[in-house]
N, C-alpha and C. Protein backbone atom coordinates (compact mmCIF):
# COMPACT_ATOMS: atom_id res chain seq x y z
N MET A 1 36.26 17.48 17.65
CA MET A 1 34.83 17.46 17.66
C MET A 1 34.22 18.35 16.62
N GLN A 2 34.86 19.47 16.38
CA GLN A 2 34.43 20.44 15.39
C GLN A 2 34.46 19.83 14.01
N PHE A 3 35.47 19.00 13.75
CA PHE A 3 35.57 18.35 12.40
C PHE A 3 34.46 17.40 12.17
N ILE A 4 34.05 16.67 13.22
CA ILE A 4 32.93 15.72 13.07
C ILE A 4 31.61 16.48 12.80
N GLN A 5 31.42 17.54 13.54
CA GLN A 5 30.19 18.37 13.28
C GLN A 5 30.18 18.99 11.89
N THR A 6 31.37 19.25 11.32
CA THR A 6 31.46 19.83 10.01
C THR A 6 31.15 18.80 8.93
N ILE A 7 31.66 17.58 9.12
CA ILE A 7 31.57 16.58 8.04
C ILE A 7 30.26 15.75 8.04
N LEU A 8 29.57 15.66 9.20
CA LEU A 8 28.37 14.84 9.30
C LEU A 8 27.25 15.23 8.34
N PRO A 9 26.94 16.50 8.13
CA PRO A 9 25.87 16.76 7.19
C PRO A 9 26.21 16.35 5.75
N TYR A 10 27.46 16.47 5.37
CA TYR A 10 27.89 16.01 4.05
C TYR A 10 27.80 14.51 3.91
N ALA A 11 28.20 13.82 4.99
CA ALA A 11 28.09 12.36 5.01
C ALA A 11 26.63 11.93 4.87
N GLN A 12 25.70 12.64 5.54
CA GLN A 12 24.31 12.27 5.47
C GLN A 12 23.75 12.49 4.05
N VAL A 13 24.17 13.56 3.43
CA VAL A 13 23.72 13.82 2.02
C VAL A 13 24.20 12.67 1.11
N VAL A 14 25.43 12.31 1.19
CA VAL A 14 26.03 11.25 0.35
C VAL A 14 25.34 9.93 0.64
N LEU A 15 25.13 9.62 1.97
CA LEU A 15 24.49 8.33 2.27
C LEU A 15 23.04 8.30 1.81
N SER A 16 22.36 9.48 1.88
CA SER A 16 20.99 9.48 1.42
C SER A 16 20.88 9.25 -0.07
N ILE A 17 21.80 9.80 -0.81
CA ILE A 17 21.78 9.56 -2.27
C ILE A 17 22.08 8.11 -2.55
N PHE A 18 23.06 7.53 -1.85
CA PHE A 18 23.30 6.08 -2.03
C PHE A 18 22.15 5.21 -1.65
N LEU A 19 21.44 5.60 -0.56
CA LEU A 19 20.31 4.85 -0.10
C LEU A 19 19.15 4.91 -1.11
N ILE A 20 18.92 6.05 -1.65
CA ILE A 20 17.84 6.16 -2.66
C ILE A 20 18.20 5.33 -3.88
N ALA A 21 19.45 5.38 -4.33
CA ALA A 21 19.85 4.62 -5.48
C ALA A 21 19.75 3.10 -5.21
N ALA A 22 20.16 2.69 -4.01
CA ALA A 22 20.08 1.26 -3.67
C ALA A 22 18.62 0.76 -3.65
N VAL A 23 17.73 1.58 -3.09
CA VAL A 23 16.32 1.17 -3.06
C VAL A 23 15.74 1.12 -4.45
N LEU A 24 16.05 2.08 -5.31
CA LEU A 24 15.53 2.11 -6.65
C LEU A 24 16.08 0.97 -7.51
N LEU A 25 17.32 0.55 -7.24
CA LEU A 25 17.87 -0.57 -8.03
C LEU A 25 17.26 -1.93 -7.62
N GLN A 26 16.58 -1.96 -6.45
CA GLN A 26 15.99 -3.19 -6.01
C GLN A 26 14.63 -3.50 -6.63
N THR A 27 13.98 -2.47 -7.15
CA THR A 27 12.61 -2.67 -7.70
C THR A 27 12.69 -3.66 -8.84
N ARG A 28 11.77 -4.55 -8.87
CA ARG A 28 11.79 -5.61 -9.88
C ARG A 28 10.50 -5.74 -10.64
N GLY A 29 10.06 -4.65 -11.21
CA GLY A 29 8.89 -4.65 -12.05
C GLY A 29 7.58 -4.90 -11.37
N SER A 30 7.43 -4.44 -10.14
CA SER A 30 6.13 -4.60 -9.47
C SER A 30 5.18 -3.55 -10.04
N SER A 31 3.95 -3.93 -10.11
CA SER A 31 2.91 -3.03 -10.67
C SER A 31 2.53 -1.98 -9.66
N VAL A 32 1.77 -0.95 -10.14
CA VAL A 32 1.33 0.08 -9.23
C VAL A 32 0.31 -0.45 -8.24
N GLY A 33 -0.48 -1.40 -8.65
CA GLY A 33 -1.47 -1.97 -7.72
C GLY A 33 -0.79 -2.70 -6.56
N GLY A 34 0.34 -3.26 -6.77
CA GLY A 34 1.11 -3.92 -5.71
C GLY A 34 1.64 -2.96 -4.75
N ALA A 35 1.97 -1.79 -5.19
CA ALA A 35 2.54 -0.74 -4.30
C ALA A 35 1.47 -0.23 -3.30
N PHE A 36 0.18 -0.31 -3.66
CA PHE A 36 -0.83 0.15 -2.76
C PHE A 36 -1.60 -0.97 -2.12
N GLY A 37 -1.03 -2.16 -2.06
CA GLY A 37 -1.62 -3.27 -1.36
C GLY A 37 -2.43 -4.23 -2.22
N GLY A 38 -2.59 -3.90 -3.47
CA GLY A 38 -3.32 -4.78 -4.35
C GLY A 38 -2.52 -5.99 -4.74
N SER A 39 -3.15 -7.10 -5.04
CA SER A 39 -2.47 -8.29 -5.36
C SER A 39 -2.31 -8.39 -6.89
N ASP A 40 -1.12 -8.69 -7.36
CA ASP A 40 -0.90 -8.80 -8.77
C ASP A 40 -0.93 -10.30 -9.22
N GLY A 41 -1.17 -11.16 -8.24
CA GLY A 41 -1.31 -12.59 -8.59
C GLY A 41 -0.01 -13.31 -8.67
N GLY A 42 1.14 -12.64 -8.81
CA GLY A 42 2.40 -13.36 -8.98
C GLY A 42 3.36 -13.10 -7.83
N SER A 43 2.81 -12.74 -6.66
CA SER A 43 3.70 -12.39 -5.52
C SER A 43 4.06 -13.68 -4.78
N THR A 44 5.23 -14.16 -5.02
CA THR A 44 5.76 -15.30 -4.31
C THR A 44 7.05 -14.95 -3.67
N PHE A 45 7.41 -15.65 -2.66
CA PHE A 45 8.69 -15.39 -1.96
C PHE A 45 9.74 -16.33 -2.50
N TYR A 46 10.92 -15.80 -2.64
CA TYR A 46 12.01 -16.65 -3.14
C TYR A 46 13.34 -16.13 -2.52
N THR A 47 14.38 -16.92 -2.63
CA THR A 47 15.66 -16.60 -2.10
C THR A 47 16.40 -15.62 -3.07
N ARG A 48 16.92 -14.58 -2.43
CA ARG A 48 17.69 -13.60 -3.23
C ARG A 48 19.06 -14.22 -3.60
N ARG A 49 19.50 -13.97 -4.79
CA ARG A 49 20.79 -14.49 -5.24
C ARG A 49 21.48 -13.44 -6.05
N GLY A 50 22.84 -13.55 -6.10
CA GLY A 50 23.63 -12.71 -6.94
C GLY A 50 23.53 -11.23 -6.60
N ALA A 51 23.32 -10.45 -7.68
CA ALA A 51 23.35 -8.99 -7.55
C ALA A 51 22.15 -8.54 -6.68
N GLU A 52 21.05 -9.23 -6.71
CA GLU A 52 19.87 -8.82 -5.91
C GLU A 52 20.22 -8.94 -4.41
N LYS A 53 20.89 -9.99 -4.04
CA LYS A 53 21.25 -10.17 -2.65
C LYS A 53 22.27 -9.13 -2.25
N THR A 54 23.22 -8.80 -3.11
CA THR A 54 24.24 -7.77 -2.83
C THR A 54 23.58 -6.41 -2.66
N PHE A 55 22.62 -6.03 -3.51
CA PHE A 55 21.93 -4.74 -3.35
C PHE A 55 21.10 -4.70 -2.07
N PHE A 56 20.50 -5.85 -1.71
CA PHE A 56 19.70 -5.92 -0.48
C PHE A 56 20.59 -5.71 0.71
N GLN A 57 21.71 -6.39 0.77
CA GLN A 57 22.61 -6.23 1.90
C GLN A 57 23.27 -4.85 1.94
N ALA A 58 23.58 -4.27 0.80
CA ALA A 58 24.13 -2.93 0.71
C ALA A 58 23.11 -1.93 1.23
N THR A 59 21.85 -2.15 0.90
CA THR A 59 20.78 -1.19 1.36
C THR A 59 20.69 -1.23 2.89
N ILE A 60 20.84 -2.40 3.46
CA ILE A 60 20.79 -2.51 4.93
C ILE A 60 21.96 -1.78 5.56
N VAL A 61 23.16 -1.99 5.02
CA VAL A 61 24.35 -1.36 5.53
C VAL A 61 24.25 0.13 5.40
N ILE A 62 23.83 0.63 4.25
CA ILE A 62 23.74 2.07 4.04
C ILE A 62 22.72 2.69 4.94
N SER A 63 21.62 2.05 5.16
CA SER A 63 20.55 2.55 6.03
C SER A 63 21.01 2.61 7.49
N VAL A 64 21.76 1.64 7.95
CA VAL A 64 22.30 1.63 9.29
C VAL A 64 23.31 2.75 9.45
N LEU A 65 24.17 2.98 8.44
CA LEU A 65 25.13 4.05 8.53
C LEU A 65 24.41 5.39 8.51
N PHE A 66 23.36 5.55 7.75
CA PHE A 66 22.59 6.77 7.71
C PHE A 66 21.96 7.06 9.09
N VAL A 67 21.41 6.07 9.73
CA VAL A 67 20.78 6.26 11.03
C VAL A 67 21.85 6.58 12.07
N LEU A 68 23.02 5.96 11.97
CA LEU A 68 24.10 6.27 12.95
C LEU A 68 24.59 7.72 12.76
N THR A 69 24.71 8.17 11.53
CA THR A 69 25.13 9.58 11.33
C THR A 69 24.03 10.55 11.82
N ALA A 70 22.78 10.14 11.71
CA ALA A 70 21.70 10.98 12.20
C ALA A 70 21.77 11.10 13.72
N PHE A 71 22.02 10.00 14.41
CA PHE A 71 22.17 10.05 15.85
C PHE A 71 23.42 10.82 16.22
N LEU A 72 24.51 10.64 15.54
CA LEU A 72 25.69 11.40 15.86
C LEU A 72 25.47 12.91 15.69
N THR A 73 24.77 13.28 14.63
CA THR A 73 24.44 14.69 14.39
C THR A 73 23.61 15.26 15.55
N PHE A 74 22.69 14.48 16.03
CA PHE A 74 21.83 14.89 17.14
C PHE A 74 22.62 15.05 18.46
N TYR A 75 23.51 14.09 18.71
CA TYR A 75 24.25 14.09 19.97
C TYR A 75 25.43 15.06 19.99
N THR A 76 25.95 15.42 18.83
CA THR A 76 27.13 16.34 18.84
C THR A 76 26.70 17.81 18.72
N SER A 77 25.40 18.05 18.53
CA SER A 77 24.99 19.45 18.40
C SER A 77 24.65 20.01 19.71
């Protein structure tokens, strides 16, 4: 149990860096107005394909792992 308590903070740091990188790699040229709720006129929904789909799924997996490590850190302390 001591080993898990020792390694969890390092795992969270690594996962947070990967999560930030995955989110930043998903941005696809949206304007600043779109970030604050403004319409840029070209917002349409489409199916993700290729690398975009892979980054999207990786972001979900990394975020779930991050949340699990956060819960483990809380319950093991």
